[in-house]
C-alpha atoms as a PDB file:
ATOM      1  CA  MET A   1       0.000   0.000   0.000  1.00  0.00           C
ATOM      2  CA  THR A   2       1.112   3.496  -0.612  1.00  0.00           C
ATOM      3  CA  THR A   3       1.647   5.783   2.320  1.00  0.00           C
ATOM      4  CA  THR A   4      -1.259   7.962   1.249  1.00  0.00           C
ATOM      5  CA  LEU A   5      -3.620   4.992   1.165  1.00  0.00           C
ATOM      6  CA  GLU A   6      -2.298   3.726   4.506  1.00  0.00           C
ATOM      7  CA  ASP A   7      -2.812   7.175   6.030  1.00  0.00           C
ATOM      8  CA  HIS A   8      -6.326   7.342   4.597  1.00  0.00           C
ATOM      9  CA  LEU A   9      -7.240   3.914   5.973  1.00  0.00           C
ATOM     10  CA  ALA A  10      -5.758   4.742   9.379  1.00  0.00           C
ATOM     11  CA  ALA A  11      -7.744   7.992   9.526  1.00  0.00           C
ATOM     12  CA  ARG A  12     -10.873   6.131   8.507  1.00  0.00           C
ATOM     13  CA  ARG A  13     -10.364   3.499  11.222  1.00  0.00           C
ATOM     14  CA  ALA A  14      -9.818   6.242  13.798  1.00  0.00           C
ATOM     15  CA  HIS A  15     -13.029   7.962  12.700  1.00  0.00           C
ATOM     16  CA  GLN A  16     -15.005   4.721  12.850  1.00  0.00           C
ATOM     17  CA  ASP A  17     -13.610   4.044  16.315  1.00  0.00           C
ATOM     18  CA  ALA A  18     -14.734   7.506  17.442  1.00  0.00           C
ATOM     19  CA  VAL A  19     -18.222   6.927  16.026  1.00  0.00           C
ATOM     20  CA  GLY A  20     -18.351   3.515  17.718  1.00  0.00           C
ATOM     21  CA  GLN A  21     -17.414   5.105  21.045  1.00  0.00           C
ATOM     22  CA  LYS A  22     -20.195   7.691  20.686  1.00  0.00           C
ATOM     23  CA  LEU A  23     -22.682   4.913  19.944  1.00  0.00           C
ATOM     24  CA  CYS A  24     -21.585   3.155  23.122  1.00  0.00           C
ATOM     25  CA  GLU A  25     -22.106   6.422  25.039  1.00  0.00           C
ATOM     26  CA  ILE A  26     -25.631   6.694  23.597  1.00  0.00           C
ATOM     27  CA  LEU A  27     -26.396   3.123  24.632  1.00  0.00           C
ATOM     28  CA  ASN A  28     -25.127   3.866  28.139  1.00  0.00           C
ATOM     29  CA  LEU A  29     -27.356   6.962  28.365  1.00  0.00           C
ATOM     30  CA  ILE A  30     -30.408   4.970  27.315  1.00  0.00           C
ATOM     31  CA  GLU A  31     -29.602   2.177  29.763  1.00  0.00           C
ATOM     32  CA  GLN A  32     -29.056   4.705  32.556  1.00  0.00           C
ATOM     33  CA  GLY A  33     -32.421   6.323  31.832  1.00  0.00           C
ATOM     34  CA  GLN A  34     -34.081   2.925  32.053  1.00  0.00           C
ATOM     35  CA  ALA A  35     -32.237   2.098  35.291  1.00  0.00           C
ATOM     36  CA  ASP A  36     -33.306   5.458  36.752  1.00  0.00           C
ATOM     37  CA  GLY A  37     -36.934   4.575  36.054  1.00  0.00           C
ATOM     38  CA  LEU A  38     -37.518   7.259  33.440  1.00  0.00           C
ATOM     39  CA  TYR A  39     -39.339   4.778  31.198  1.00  0.00           C
ATOM     40  CA  PRO A  40     -41.481   2.560  33.450  1.00  0.00           C
ATOM     41  CA  ASP A  41     -43.717   1.613  30.498  1.00  0.00           C
ATOM     42  CA  GLY A  42     -40.764   0.896  28.203  1.00  0.00           C
ATOM     43  CA  LEU A  43     -38.775   3.096  25.887  1.00  0.00           C
ATOM     44  CA  THR A  44     -40.518   5.435  23.492  1.00  0.00           C
ATOM     45  CA  ALA A  45     -40.645   4.156  19.924  1.00  0.00           C
ATOM     46  CA  GLU A  46     -37.989   6.671  18.894  1.00  0.00           C
ATOM     47  CA  LEU A  47     -35.576   5.677  21.657  1.00  0.00           C
ATOM     48  CA  ALA A  48     -36.168   2.000  20.961  1.00  0.00           C
ATOM     49  CA  GLN A  49     -35.207   2.592  17.317  1.00  0.00           C
ATOM     50  CA  VAL A  50     -32.133   4.591  18.299  1.00  0.00           C
ATOM     51  CA  ARG A  51     -31.120   1.861  20.730  1.00  0.00           C
ATOM     52  CA  LEU A  52     -31.490  -0.870  18.110  1.00  0.00           C
ATOM     53  CA  LEU A  53     -29.538   1.044  15.479  1.00  0.00           C
ATOM     54  CA  ALA A  54     -26.826   1.964  17.966  1.00  0.00           C
ATOM     55  CA  MET A  55     -26.486  -1.637  19.115  1.00  0.00           C
ATOM     56  CA  VAL A  56     -26.170  -3.012  15.594  1.00  0.00           C
ATOM     57  CA  ASN A  57     -23.795  -0.336  14.372  1.00  0.00           C
ATOM     58  CA  ALA A  58     -21.651  -0.400  17.502  1.00  0.00           C
ATOM     59  CA  LYS A  59     -21.106  -4.132  16.967  1.00  0.00           C
ATOM     60  CA  VAL A  60     -20.066  -3.486  13.381  1.00  0.00           C
ATOM     61  CA  LEU A  61     -17.844  -0.484  14.096  1.00  0.00           C
ATOM     62  CA  CYS A  62     -16.269  -1.910  17.226  1.00  0.00           C
ATOM     63  CA  ALA A  63     -15.590  -5.344  15.776  1.00  0.00           C
ATOM     64  CA  PRO A  64     -11.905  -6.206  15.635  1.00  0.00           C
ATOM     65  CA  GLU A  65     -10.374  -6.107  12.205  1.00  0.00           C
ATOM     66  CA  PRO A  66      -9.702  -9.505  10.694  1.00  0.00           C
ATOM     67  CA  GLU A  67      -6.108 -10.581  10.728  1.00  0.00           C
ATOM     68  CA  PRO A  68      -4.488 -10.446   7.302  1.00  0.00           C
ATOM     69  CA  GLU A  69      -4.298 -13.893   5.826  1.00  0.00           C
ATOM     70  CA  GLU A  70      -0.829 -15.250   5.464  1.00  0.00           C
ATOM     71  CA  GLU A  71       0.030 -17.143   2.346  1.00  0.00           C
ATOM     72  CA  PRO A  72       0.788 -20.776   3.125  1.00  0.00           C
ATOM     73  CA  GLU A  73       4.376 -21.685   2.660  1.00  0.00           C
ATOM     74  CA  ALA A  74       5.131 -23.945  -0.274  1.00  0.00           C
ATOM     75  CA  PRO A  75       5.998 -27.448   0.862  1.00  0.00           C
ATOM     76  CA  ALA A  76       9.677 -28.191   0.829  1.00  0.00           C
ATOM     77  CA  GLU A  77      10.805 -30.302  -2.065  1.00  0.00           C
ATOM     78  CA  PRO A  78      11.748 -33.799  -0.960  1.00  0.00           C
ATOM     79  CA  GLU A  79      15.370 -34.648  -1.286  1.00  0.00           C
ATOM     80  CA  ALA A  80      16.143 -37.434  -3.738  1.00  0.00           C
END
């Protein structure tokens, strides 16, 4: 990869991490509101949607990156 592409991908990962962290903060706020008894009849429809979207996207954005696959080494040639 070129340095420019590597820099771009690193900046993109950092941005996605920041977005993932904000989603986790939103989830914590919603959970805290529920724990404080602000929604005794359940979350409002809007908050339930926000919670669902935040949960799904946080899992995607916070998922660890897959390890790069290593090429298998060629088998050694048998000696005659």
